[in-house]
Every structure is written in C-alpha cells, then in structure tokens.
Amino acid sequence: MTQQRQTKMLDVTPCDANKCDVTKFDVTRLAEQEVEKFIPHRQPMILISQLLHYSHDSLLTQTDISASSAYFDANLNGVPNYVGIEYMAQSIAALAGVEAHLRDDIIRVGFLLGSRKLKMHIPQFELGQSYQTRVTRLYQEESGLAVFDCQILHNQEVVAEANVNVFQPQDALAYIAESTQ
C-alpha cells in the first residue's frame, strides 16, 4: 500500500461532473461509513465521529463529545475550544477523502497551513453534546493549495468559525523530503 501511495500520479482537483462518478458509492449513506475510510488519520487521532452530508465542494460532519474524546479535560467537563480548528481540518480532509473515493483515487495527506477570521464563540465543546462542522471550499489551485469556509454548529447555532488554508501536495512524501533538504 505504501508503494502505491508513492508511485501513483494523483489528481488533486475537486470533484465536478466530468471527474467524479457519484455511482462509486452512495454518498447519501455517508453516516453509515467509518470515518477512517475517508481520512489519513487513525485512532486515537480521529476526532470527528461521523460524516453526515456531502454536496459539491462541501461536507457536513459530526463530533460527539464524550469523556473518552481526545483532548477531553475533566476540569472543563469538555474539550477546549481550540481543538475546534482540528475538527475543521479533519472535516476538510474527509471532504478530500469523499472526493478521492468518487474519483477512484487514494486518500492522501494534507497540511493545515493556518486560518483567518478564527472566532470561537464558546469556551469548550461540552460533554454529552454533538457538534456539526460544515466545510465549504472557497478556492483551490491546481497545486493543492485551498481555502475553506468552516463553521462548527451546535443546535444549528454557529459556535466557531474560520477560513482555513490547507495544502495537499501531489506526493506528500516527496514534498516532505524536499523541504528537509
């Protein structure tokens, strides 16, 4: 599997009518799919719980907060709000993963570069609550550089928001090797 990831030429363009085959799998049944099928992360670092809805350039995910959630803080009785940026980033990765499945491509690593207009309207994500993260692609270059509008919602109210900048190179291993030389 690792060899395939290193040698296959990859397409980082978003899905459109010419590139994606929505018959590859039923996107209306995303909630029944394991999250790890769509992102390069593995436990215990998978922070989102479920994929809820895909549409062109957009994905809605859910994160359920429990005492076993990564970064859970018993003193806060929840997860600190700054972890929300990772909920956004993993939701972006999941969107890329859904689109990769639709193109019959592999799941690839991407990088969180930064954010603009980050606003956290709550101090923590509370124990026993579920939060939905909506990510919408605003812009993407052929190089893999992209900007997303992200919102985290609780009971349909925005509790965190940001524009998130990401980069998904054609070959992550080559990119890392290049940057360390």
C-alpha atoms as a PDB file:
ATOM      1  CA  MET A   1       0.000   0.000   0.000  1.00  0.00           C
ATOM      2  CA  THR A   2       2.813   2.420   0.848  1.00  0.00           C
ATOM      3  CA  GLN A   3       4.450   1.756  -2.514  1.00  0.00           C
ATOM      4  CA  GLN A   4       1.188   2.598  -4.299  1.00  0.00           C
ATOM      5  CA  ARG A   5       0.983   5.901  -2.424  1.00  0.00           C
ATOM      6  CA  GLN A   6       4.489   6.832  -3.572  1.00  0.00           C
ATOM      7  CA  THR A   7       4.203   5.964  -7.254  1.00  0.00           C
ATOM      8  CA  LYS A   8       0.637   6.686  -8.403  1.00  0.00           C
ATOM      9  CA  MET A   9       0.114  10.052 -10.108  1.00  0.00           C
ATOM     10  CA  LEU A  10      -2.647  11.856  -8.288  1.00  0.00           C
ATOM     11  CA  ASP A  11      -5.378  14.304  -9.143  1.00  0.00           C
ATOM     12  CA  VAL A  12      -5.977  16.994  -6.512  1.00  0.00           C
ATOM     13  CA  THR A  13      -8.744  18.806  -8.340  1.00  0.00           C
ATOM     14  CA  PRO A  14     -12.140  18.946  -6.669  1.00  0.00           C
ATOM     15  CA  CYS A  15     -14.987  16.839  -7.926  1.00  0.00           C
ATOM     16  CA  ASP A  16     -17.032  18.069 -10.827  1.00  0.00           C
ATOM     17  CA  ALA A  17     -19.400  16.420 -13.256  1.00  0.00           C
ATOM     18  CA  ASN A  18     -16.508  15.390 -15.520  1.00  0.00           C
ATOM     19  CA  LYS A  19     -14.187  13.919 -12.869  1.00  0.00           C
ATOM     20  CA  CYS A  20     -16.335  12.238 -10.241  1.00  0.00           C
ATOM     21  CA  ASP A  21     -18.565   9.241 -10.537  1.00  0.00           C
ATOM     22  CA  VAL A  22     -21.247   9.555  -7.869  1.00  0.00           C
ATOM     23  CA  THR A  23     -22.239   5.958  -8.557  1.00  0.00           C
ATOM     24  CA  LYS A  24     -18.937   4.740  -6.981  1.00  0.00           C
ATOM     25  CA  PHE A  25     -20.674   4.655  -3.606  1.00  0.00           C
ATOM     26  CA  ASP A  26     -23.865   6.050  -2.130  1.00  0.00           C
ATOM     27  CA  VAL A  27     -22.994   9.484  -0.709  1.00  0.00           C
ATOM     28  CA  THR A  28     -26.473   9.637   0.828  1.00  0.00           C
ATOM     29  CA  ARG A  29     -25.368   6.848   3.200  1.00  0.00           C
ATOM     30  CA  LEU A  30     -22.178   8.515   4.468  1.00  0.00           C
ATOM     31  CA  ALA A  31     -23.324   8.325   8.092  1.00  0.00           C
ATOM     32  CA  GLU A  32     -23.094   4.535   7.853  1.00  0.00           C
ATOM     33  CA  GLN A  33     -19.441   4.647   6.721  1.00  0.00           C
ATOM     34  CA  GLU A  34     -16.414   4.544   9.029  1.00  0.00           C
ATOM     35  CA  VAL A  35     -14.698   7.942   9.177  1.00  0.00           C
ATOM     36  CA  GLU A  36     -11.249   6.348   8.834  1.00  0.00           C
ATOM     37  CA  LYS A  37     -12.237   5.191   5.341  1.00  0.00           C
ATOM     38  CA  PHE A  38     -12.055   8.836   4.223  1.00  0.00           C
ATOM     39  CA  ILE A  39      -9.176  10.420   6.174  1.00  0.00           C
ATOM     40  CA  PRO A  40      -5.498   9.525   6.586  1.00  0.00           C
ATOM     41  CA  HIS A  41      -5.743   9.706  10.411  1.00  0.00           C
ATOM     42  CA  ARG A  42      -6.006   6.653  12.669  1.00  0.00           C
ATOM     43  CA  GLN A  43      -7.187   6.208  16.243  1.00  0.00           C
ATOM     44  CA  PRO A  44      -6.773   7.795  18.687  1.00  0.00           C
ATOM     45  CA  MET A  45      -6.372  10.871  16.479  1.00  0.00           C
ATOM     46  CA  ILE A  46      -9.668  10.581  14.613  1.00  0.00           C
ATOM     47  CA  LEU A  47     -11.606  13.413  16.217  1.00  0.00           C
ATOM     48  CA  ILE A  48     -14.726  13.559  14.060  1.00  0.00           C
ATOM     49  CA  SER A  49     -17.415  10.950  14.715  1.00  0.00           C
ATOM     50  CA  GLN A  50     -19.476  10.813  11.556  1.00  0.00           C
ATOM     51  CA  LEU A  51     -19.856  12.110   8.010  1.00  0.00           C
ATOM     52  CA  LEU A  52     -23.390  13.435   7.571  1.00  0.00           C
ATOM     53  CA  HIS A  53     -23.851  15.066   4.170  1.00  0.00           C
ATOM     54  CA  TYR A  54     -21.795  15.649   1.035  1.00  0.00           C
ATOM     55  CA  SER A  55     -22.537  18.099  -1.748  1.00  0.00           C
ATOM     56  CA  HIS A  56     -20.284  19.604  -4.402  1.00  0.00           C
ATOM     57  CA  ASP A  57     -17.410  21.428  -2.601  1.00  0.00           C
ATOM     58  CA  SER A  58     -18.988  20.911   0.842  1.00  0.00           C
ATOM     59  CA  LEU A  59     -19.240  18.382   3.657  1.00  0.00           C
ATOM     60  CA  LEU A  60     -21.090  18.268   6.982  1.00  0.00           C
ATOM     61  CA  THR A  61     -19.582  16.131   9.763  1.00  0.00           C
ATOM     62  CA  GLN A  62     -20.448  15.460  13.394  1.00  0.00           C
ATOM     63  CA  THR A  63     -18.290  15.261  16.505  1.00  0.00           C
ATOM     64  CA  ASP A  64     -19.724  13.659  19.635  1.00  0.00           C
ATOM     65  CA  ILE A  65     -18.073  14.723  22.879  1.00  0.00           C
ATOM     66  CA  SER A  66     -17.518  12.021  25.499  1.00  0.00           C
ATOM     67  CA  ALA A  67     -15.164  11.538  28.429  1.00  0.00           C
ATOM     68  CA  SER A  68     -13.028   9.408  26.104  1.00  0.00           C
ATOM     69  CA  SER A  69     -12.788  12.109  23.408  1.00  0.00           C
ATOM     70  CA  ALA A  70      -9.234  13.116  22.502  1.00  0.00           C
ATOM     71  CA  TYR A  71      -8.279  16.261  24.429  1.00  0.00           C
ATOM     72  CA  PHE A  72     -11.153  15.860  26.906  1.00  0.00           C
ATOM     73  CA  ASP A  73     -10.447  17.961  30.012  1.00  0.00           C
ATOM     74  CA  ALA A  74     -12.290  16.872  33.155  1.00  0.00           C
ATOM     75  CA  ASN A  75     -11.801  20.333  34.684  1.00  0.00           C
ATOM     76  CA  LEU A  76     -13.696  21.862  31.751  1.00  0.00           C
ATOM     77  CA  ASN A  77     -16.138  18.965  31.518  1.00  0.00           C
ATOM     78  CA  GLY A  78     -15.449  19.055  27.798  1.00  0.00           C
ATOM     79  CA  VAL A  79     -12.882  19.623  25.073  1.00  0.00           C
ATOM     80  CA  PRO A  80     -11.155  23.049  24.895  1.00  0.00           C
ATOM     81  CA  ASN A  81     -12.448  25.273  22.102  1.00  0.00           C
ATOM     82  CA  TYR A  82      -9.055  25.492  20.367  1.00  0.00           C
ATOM     83  CA  VAL A  83      -9.451  21.831  19.304  1.00  0.00           C
ATOM     84  CA  GLY A  84     -12.203  23.111  17.007  1.00  0.00           C
ATOM     85  CA  ILE A  85      -9.587  24.044  14.391  1.00  0.00           C
ATOM     86  CA  GLU A  86      -8.712  20.332  14.163  1.00  0.00           C
ATOM     87  CA  TYR A  87     -12.413  19.417  13.837  1.00  0.00           C
ATOM     88  CA  MET A  88     -12.448  21.804  10.870  1.00  0.00           C
ATOM     89  CA  ALA A  89      -9.206  20.406   9.412  1.00  0.00           C
ATOM     90  CA  GLN A  90     -10.351  16.784   9.713  1.00  0.00           C
ATOM     91  CA  SER A  91     -13.662  17.683   8.086  1.00  0.00           C
ATOM     92  CA  ILE A  92     -11.712  19.210   5.181  1.00  0.00           C
ATOM     93  CA  ALA A  93      -9.640  16.012   4.995  1.00  0.00           C
ATOM     94  CA  ALA A  94     -12.863  13.979   4.968  1.00  0.00           C
ATOM     95  CA  LEU A  95     -14.219  16.082   2.076  1.00  0.00           C
ATOM     96  CA  ALA A  96     -10.996  15.383   0.157  1.00  0.00           C
ATOM     97  CA  GLY A  97     -11.429  11.698   1.024  1.00  0.00           C
ATOM     98  CA  VAL A  98     -15.019  11.552  -0.223  1.00  0.00           C
ATOM     99  CA  GLU A  99     -13.934  13.229  -3.450  1.00  0.00           C
ATOM    100  CA  ALA A 100     -10.999  10.793  -3.764  1.00  0.00           C
ATOM    101  CA  HIS A 101     -13.422   7.867  -3.466  1.00  0.00           C
ATOM    102  CA  LEU A 102     -15.634   9.425  -6.124  1.00  0.00           C
ATOM    103  CA  ARG A 103     -12.593   9.722  -8.451  1.00  0.00           C
ATOM    104  CA  ASP A 104     -11.473   6.179  -7.560  1.00  0.00           C
ATOM    105  CA  ASP A 105      -8.297   7.702  -6.094  1.00  0.00           C
ATOM    106  CA  ILE A 106      -6.360   7.076  -2.883  1.00  0.00           C
ATOM    107  CA  ILE A 107      -6.638   9.005   0.395  1.00  0.00           C
ATOM    108  CA  ARG A 108      -3.742  11.432   0.717  1.00  0.00           C
ATOM    109  CA  VAL A 109      -2.157  13.517   3.439  1.00  0.00           C
ATOM    110  CA  GLY A 110      -2.767  17.254   3.522  1.00  0.00           C
ATOM    111  CA  PHE A 111      -1.416  20.045   5.685  1.00  0.00           C
ATOM    112  CA  LEU A 112      -3.195  22.690   7.756  1.00  0.00           C
ATOM    113  CA  LEU A 113      -1.377  25.920   6.909  1.00  0.00           C
ATOM    114  CA  GLY A 114      -3.320  28.381   9.018  1.00  0.00           C
ATOM    115  CA  SER A 115      -6.570  30.205   9.482  1.00  0.00           C
ATOM    116  CA  ARG A 116      -8.068  33.647   9.103  1.00  0.00           C
ATOM    117  CA  LYS A 117     -11.041  35.157  10.854  1.00  0.00           C
ATOM    118  CA  LEU A 118     -10.976  32.446  13.543  1.00  0.00           C
ATOM    119  CA  LYS A 119     -13.746  33.042  16.072  1.00  0.00           C
ATOM    120  CA  MET A 120     -14.584  30.741  18.968  1.00  0.00           C
ATOM    121  CA  HIS A 121     -17.924  31.668  20.496  1.00  0.00           C
ATOM    122  CA  ILE A 122     -17.842  29.065  23.289  1.00  0.00           C
ATOM    123  CA  PRO A 123     -15.087  28.170  25.807  1.00  0.00           C
ATOM    124  CA  GLN A 124     -15.381  24.394  25.298  1.00  0.00           C
ATOM    125  CA  PHE A 125     -17.196  21.630  23.477  1.00  0.00           C
ATOM    126  CA  GLU A 126     -19.336  20.183  26.266  1.00  0.00           C
ATOM    127  CA  LEU A 127     -19.525  16.593  27.453  1.00  0.00           C
ATOM    128  CA  GLY A 128     -22.540  14.719  26.071  1.00  0.00           C
ATOM    129  CA  GLN A 129     -23.117  17.178  23.223  1.00  0.00           C
ATOM    130  CA  SER A 130     -22.827  16.759  19.465  1.00  0.00           C
ATOM    131  CA  TYR A 131     -21.405  19.413  17.155  1.00  0.00           C
ATOM    132  CA  GLN A 132     -21.674  19.622  13.381  1.00  0.00           C
ATOM    133  CA  THR A 133     -18.836  21.007  11.274  1.00  0.00           C
ATOM    134  CA  ARG A 134     -19.633  22.399   7.835  1.00  0.00           C
ATOM    135  CA  VAL A 135     -16.711  22.942   5.449  1.00  0.00           C
ATOM    136  CA  THR A 136     -17.145  24.622   2.074  1.00  0.00           C
ATOM    137  CA  ARG A 137     -14.370  25.069  -0.486  1.00  0.00           C
ATOM    138  CA  LEU A 138     -13.992  28.723  -1.452  1.00  0.00           C
ATOM    139  CA  TYR A 139     -10.938  28.400  -3.665  1.00  0.00           C
ATOM    140  CA  GLN A 140      -8.480  25.754  -4.850  1.00  0.00           C
ATOM    141  CA  GLU A 141      -5.375  25.918  -7.018  1.00  0.00           C
ATOM    142  CA  GLU A 142      -4.085  23.066  -9.155  1.00  0.00           C
ATOM    143  CA  SER A 143      -1.060  22.952  -6.829  1.00  0.00           C
ATOM    144  CA  GLY A 144      -3.288  21.704  -3.990  1.00  0.00           C
ATOM    145  CA  LEU A 145      -3.499  24.988  -2.077  1.00  0.00           C
ATOM    146  CA  ALA A 146      -7.090  25.641  -0.964  1.00  0.00           C
ATOM    147  CA  VAL A 147      -9.206  27.855   1.293  1.00  0.00           C
ATOM    148  CA  PHE A 148     -12.319  26.669   3.112  1.00  0.00           C
ATOM    149  CA  ASP A 149     -15.099  28.448   4.936  1.00  0.00           C
ATOM    150  CA  CYS A 150     -15.665  26.437   8.127  1.00  0.00           C
ATOM    151  CA  GLN A 151     -18.373  26.596  10.760  1.00  0.00           C
ATOM    152  CA  ILE A 152     -18.983  24.478  13.827  1.00  0.00           C
ATOM    153  CA  LEU A 153     -22.623  24.376  14.854  1.00  0.00           C
ATOM    154  CA  HIS A 154     -24.439  23.305  17.991  1.00  0.00           C
ATOM    155  CA  ASN A 155     -28.218  23.072  17.707  1.00  0.00           C
ATOM    156  CA  GLN A 156     -27.913  24.962  14.396  1.00  0.00           C
ATOM    157  CA  GLU A 157     -26.128  27.894  16.066  1.00  0.00           C
ATOM    158  CA  VAL A 158     -22.597  28.817  14.961  1.00  0.00           C
ATOM    159  CA  VAL A 159     -20.225  28.253  17.887  1.00  0.00           C
ATOM    160  CA  ALA A 160     -16.930  28.523  15.956  1.00  0.00           C
ATOM    161  CA  GLU A 161     -15.927  29.754  12.514  1.00  0.00           C
ATOM    162  CA  ALA A 162     -12.849  30.345  10.387  1.00  0.00           C
ATOM    163  CA  ASN A 163     -11.406  30.458   6.912  1.00  0.00           C
ATOM    164  CA  VAL A 164      -8.904  27.591   6.878  1.00  0.00           C
ATOM    165  CA  ASN A 165      -5.957  27.374   4.487  1.00  0.00           C
ATOM    166  CA  VAL A 166      -4.741  23.892   3.557  1.00  0.00           C
ATOM    167  CA  PHE A 167      -2.267  22.298   1.174  1.00  0.00           C
ATOM    168  CA  GLN A 168      -2.480  18.817  -0.309  1.00  0.00           C
ATOM    169  CA  PRO A 169       0.590  18.149  -2.474  1.00  0.00           C
ATOM    170  CA  GLN A 170       0.631  15.631  -5.305  1.00  0.00           C
ATOM    171  CA  ASP A 171       3.095  13.482  -3.336  1.00  0.00           C
ATOM    172  CA  ALA A 172       3.312  14.236   0.404  1.00  0.00           C
ATOM    173  CA  LEU A 173       6.418  12.094   0.980  1.00  0.00           C
ATOM    174  CA  ALA A 174       8.334  13.811  -1.823  1.00  0.00           C
ATOM    175  CA  TYR A 175       7.163  17.207  -0.566  1.00  0.00           C
ATOM    176  CA  ILE A 176       8.409  16.467   2.970  1.00  0.00           C
ATOM    177  CA  ALA A 177      11.721  15.086   1.703  1.00  0.00           C
ATOM    178  CA  GLU A 178      12.175  18.168  -0.471  1.00  0.00           C
ATOM    179  CA  SER A 179      11.507  20.535   2.405  1.00  0.00           C
ATOM    180  CA  THR A 180      14.080  18.849   4.678  1.00  0.00           C
ATOM    181  CA  GLN A 181      16.961  19.112   2.188  1.00  0.00           C
END
